[in-house]
């Protein structure tokens, strides 16, 4: 069954869709802050790389949830 774009947008504007959108924004802001604060210190930069990998996994999970939300029945 093909889902129309309008229907997926309507689902995205639901409370859950907005909630996951803000989770994505928060993760991006945290990652940016960690990257900027660690530029001066090399050891902190190594830690940031490890944290960034975890954030990437979390963002991937969030994107998967966002993709699933419009497709559920």
N, C-alpha and C. Protein backbone atom coordinates (compact mmCIF):
# COMPACT_ATOMS: atom_id res chain seq x y z
N UNK A 1 0.85 -1.19 0.00
CA UNK A 1 0.00 0.00 0.00
C UNK A 1 0.88 1.24 0.00
N UNK A 2 0.60 2.13 -0.93
CA UNK A 2 1.42 3.33 -1.05
C UNK A 2 0.86 4.43 -0.15
N UNK A 3 1.75 5.03 0.62
CA UNK A 3 1.35 6.11 1.52
C UNK A 3 1.62 7.45 0.84
N UNK A 4 0.64 8.31 0.83
CA UNK A 4 0.84 9.61 0.18
C UNK A 4 1.69 10.52 1.06
N UNK A 5 2.34 11.48 0.41
CA UNK A 5 3.20 12.42 1.15
C UNK A 5 2.38 13.25 2.12
N UNK A 6 1.19 13.63 1.72
CA UNK A 6 0.35 14.45 2.60
C UNK A 6 0.03 13.70 3.89
N UNK A 7 -0.24 12.41 3.77
CA UNK A 7 -0.55 11.61 4.96
C UNK A 7 0.66 11.51 5.88
N UNK A 8 1.86 11.33 5.29
CA UNK A 8 3.05 11.24 6.12
C UNK A 8 3.33 12.58 6.81
N UNK A 9 3.04 13.69 6.13
CA UNK A 9 3.23 15.00 6.75
C UNK A 9 2.24 15.19 7.89
N UNK A 10 1.01 14.73 7.70
CA UNK A 10 0.02 14.85 8.77
C UNK A 10 0.45 14.03 9.98
N UNK A 11 0.99 12.85 9.74
CA UNK A 11 1.46 12.02 10.84
C UNK A 11 2.65 12.68 11.53
N UNK A 12 3.53 13.31 10.72
CA UNK A 12 4.72 13.94 11.30
C UNK A 12 4.34 15.09 12.21
N UNK A 13 3.24 15.79 11.90
CA UNK A 13 2.84 16.92 12.74
C UNK A 13 2.11 16.46 14.00
N UNK A 14 1.93 15.16 14.16
CA UNK A 14 1.35 14.66 15.40
C UNK A 14 2.34 14.89 16.55
N UNK A 15 1.87 14.67 17.77
CA UNK A 15 2.72 14.92 18.94
C UNK A 15 3.98 14.08 18.90
N UNK A 16 3.85 12.81 18.53
CA UNK A 16 5.02 11.93 18.50
C UNK A 16 6.03 12.40 17.46
N UNK A 17 5.55 12.80 16.29
CA UNK A 17 6.45 13.27 15.24
C UNK A 17 7.22 14.50 15.68
N UNK A 18 6.53 15.45 16.31
CA UNK A 18 7.18 16.67 16.79
C UNK A 18 8.19 16.33 17.89
N UNK A 19 7.82 15.40 18.75
CA UNK A 19 8.72 14.99 19.83
C UNK A 19 10.02 14.41 19.29
N UNK A 20 9.93 13.52 18.31
CA UNK A 20 11.14 12.94 17.74
C UNK A 20 11.95 13.96 16.95
N UNK A 21 11.25 14.93 16.34
CA UNK A 21 11.96 15.99 15.63
C UNK A 21 12.83 16.78 16.61
N UNK A 22 12.29 17.13 17.78
CA UNK A 22 13.07 17.88 18.76
C UNK A 22 14.21 17.03 19.33
N UNK A 23 14.02 15.72 19.42
CA UNK A 23 15.12 14.85 19.85
C UNK A 23 16.27 14.94 18.86
N UNK A 24 15.95 14.91 17.56
CA UNK A 24 16.98 15.03 16.53
C UNK A 24 17.71 16.36 16.64
N UNK A 25 16.94 17.45 16.83
CA UNK A 25 17.56 18.77 16.95
C UNK A 25 18.47 18.82 18.17
N UNK A 26 18.01 18.28 19.29
CA UNK A 26 18.81 18.30 20.52
C UNK A 26 20.11 17.52 20.34
N UNK A 27 20.03 16.36 19.69
CA UNK A 27 21.25 15.57 19.46
C UNK A 27 22.23 16.32 18.58
N UNK A 28 21.72 17.01 17.56
CA UNK A 28 22.61 17.77 16.68
C UNK A 28 23.28 18.92 17.43
N UNK A 29 22.52 19.60 18.29
CA UNK A 29 23.08 20.72 19.06
C UNK A 29 24.14 20.21 20.03
N UNK A 30 23.86 19.09 20.70
CA UNK A 30 24.84 18.51 21.64
C UNK A 30 26.11 18.13 20.90
N UNK A 31 25.97 17.51 19.74
CA UNK A 31 27.14 17.09 18.98
C UNK A 31 27.95 18.31 18.53
N UNK A 32 27.28 19.36 18.09
CA UNK A 32 27.97 20.58 17.68
C UNK A 32 28.71 21.19 18.86
N UNK A 33 28.06 21.25 20.02
CA UNK A 33 28.71 21.81 21.20
C UNK A 33 29.93 21.02 21.62
N UNK A 34 29.83 19.69 21.58
CA UNK A 34 30.99 18.86 21.93
C UNK A 34 32.13 19.07 20.95
N UNK A 35 31.81 19.19 19.67
CA UNK A 35 32.85 19.38 18.67
C UNK A 35 33.55 20.72 18.86
N UNK A 36 32.77 21.78 19.11
CA UNK A 36 33.36 23.11 19.27
C UNK A 36 34.19 23.21 20.55
N UNK A 37 33.71 22.59 21.64
CA UNK A 37 34.42 22.71 22.92
C UNK A 37 35.69 21.87 22.96
N UNK A 38 35.82 20.92 22.05
CA UNK A 38 36.97 20.02 22.13
C UNK A 38 38.06 20.35 21.12
N UNK A 39 37.90 21.42 20.37
CA UNK A 39 38.89 21.74 19.34
C UNK A 39 40.26 22.04 19.93
N UNK A 40 40.30 22.61 21.14
CA UNK A 40 41.58 23.02 21.72
C UNK A 40 42.33 21.83 22.35
N UNK A 41 41.61 20.83 22.80
CA UNK A 41 42.22 19.74 23.54
C UNK A 41 42.11 18.44 22.74
N UNK A 42 43.25 17.84 22.45
CA UNK A 42 43.27 16.65 21.60
C UNK A 42 42.63 15.44 22.28
N UNK A 43 42.89 15.27 23.57
CA UNK A 43 42.31 14.12 24.27
C UNK A 43 40.79 14.25 24.35
N UNK A 44 40.32 15.49 24.55
CA UNK A 44 38.87 15.71 24.56
C UNK A 44 38.29 15.44 23.17
N UNK A 45 39.09 15.73 22.14
CA UNK A 45 38.62 15.49 20.78
C UNK A 45 38.45 13.99 20.54
N UNK A 46 39.35 13.18 21.08
CA UNK A 46 39.22 11.73 20.95
C UNK A 46 37.95 11.26 21.64
N UNK A 47 37.67 11.81 22.84
CA UNK A 47 36.44 11.47 23.55
C UNK A 47 35.22 11.90 22.75
N UNK A 48 35.32 13.05 22.10
CA UNK A 48 34.20 13.55 21.31
C UNK A 48 33.91 12.63 20.13
N UNK A 49 34.97 12.07 19.55
CA UNK A 49 34.76 11.13 18.44
C UNK A 49 33.97 9.92 18.93
N UNK A 50 34.32 9.42 20.12
CA UNK A 50 33.58 8.28 20.68
C UNK A 50 32.13 8.65 20.96
N UNK A 51 31.92 9.84 21.53
CA UNK A 51 30.56 10.30 21.82
C UNK A 51 29.79 10.51 20.53
N UNK A 52 30.47 11.05 19.51
CA UNK A 52 29.81 11.30 18.24
C UNK A 52 29.30 10.01 17.61
N UNK A 53 30.06 8.93 17.79
CA UNK A 53 29.60 7.64 17.26
C UNK A 53 28.31 7.21 17.95
N UNK A 54 28.25 7.41 19.27
CA UNK A 54 27.02 7.06 19.99
C UNK A 54 25.87 7.95 19.55
N UNK A 55 26.15 9.24 19.36
CA UNK A 55 25.10 10.15 18.91
C UNK A 55 24.63 9.78 17.51
N UNK A 56 25.56 9.34 16.67
CA UNK A 56 25.18 8.92 15.32
C UNK A 56 24.22 7.73 15.37
N UNK A 57 24.51 6.79 16.28
CA UNK A 57 23.62 5.64 16.43
C UNK A 57 22.25 6.09 16.92
N UNK A 58 22.24 7.01 17.90
CA UNK A 58 20.96 7.51 18.41
C UNK A 58 20.18 8.24 17.33
N UNK A 59 20.88 9.05 16.53
CA UNK A 59 20.20 9.76 15.44
C UNK A 59 19.66 8.78 14.41
N UNK A 60 20.41 7.72 14.14
CA UNK A 60 19.94 6.73 13.18
C UNK A 60 18.67 6.05 13.69
N UNK A 61 18.66 5.75 14.99
CA UNK A 61 17.46 5.15 15.58
C UNK A 61 16.29 6.12 15.50
N UNK A 62 16.55 7.40 15.80
CA UNK A 62 15.48 8.40 15.74
C UNK A 62 14.95 8.55 14.33
N UNK A 63 15.85 8.54 13.35
CA UNK A 63 15.41 8.64 11.95
C UNK A 63 14.58 7.43 11.56
N UNK A 64 14.98 6.26 12.06
CA UNK A 64 14.20 5.05 11.77
C UNK A 64 12.81 5.16 12.35
N UNK A 65 12.72 5.69 13.57
CA UNK A 65 11.41 5.87 14.20
C UNK A 65 10.59 6.86 13.40
N UNK A 66 11.22 7.96 12.94
CA UNK A 66 10.51 8.94 12.13
C UNK A 66 10.02 8.31 10.84
N UNK A 67 10.79 7.39 10.28
CA UNK A 67 10.39 6.75 9.03
C UNK A 67 9.24 5.78 9.29
N UNK A 68 9.27 5.11 10.45
CA UNK A 68 8.24 4.12 10.76
C UNK A 68 6.91 4.80 11.09
N UNK A 69 6.96 5.95 11.78
CA UNK A 69 5.73 6.62 12.21
C UNK A 69 4.73 6.84 11.07
N UNK A 70 5.16 7.41 9.92
CA UNK A 70 4.17 7.63 8.85
C UNK A 70 3.68 6.34 8.21
N UNK A 71 4.39 5.23 8.42
CA UNK A 71 4.04 3.99 7.72
C UNK A 71 3.20 3.04 8.56
N UNK A 72 2.98 3.38 9.81
CA UNK A 72 2.19 2.45 10.62
C UNK A 72 0.70 2.63 10.28
N UNK A 73 -0.08 1.62 10.61
CA UNK A 73 -1.50 1.66 10.23
C UNK A 73 -2.36 2.10 11.39
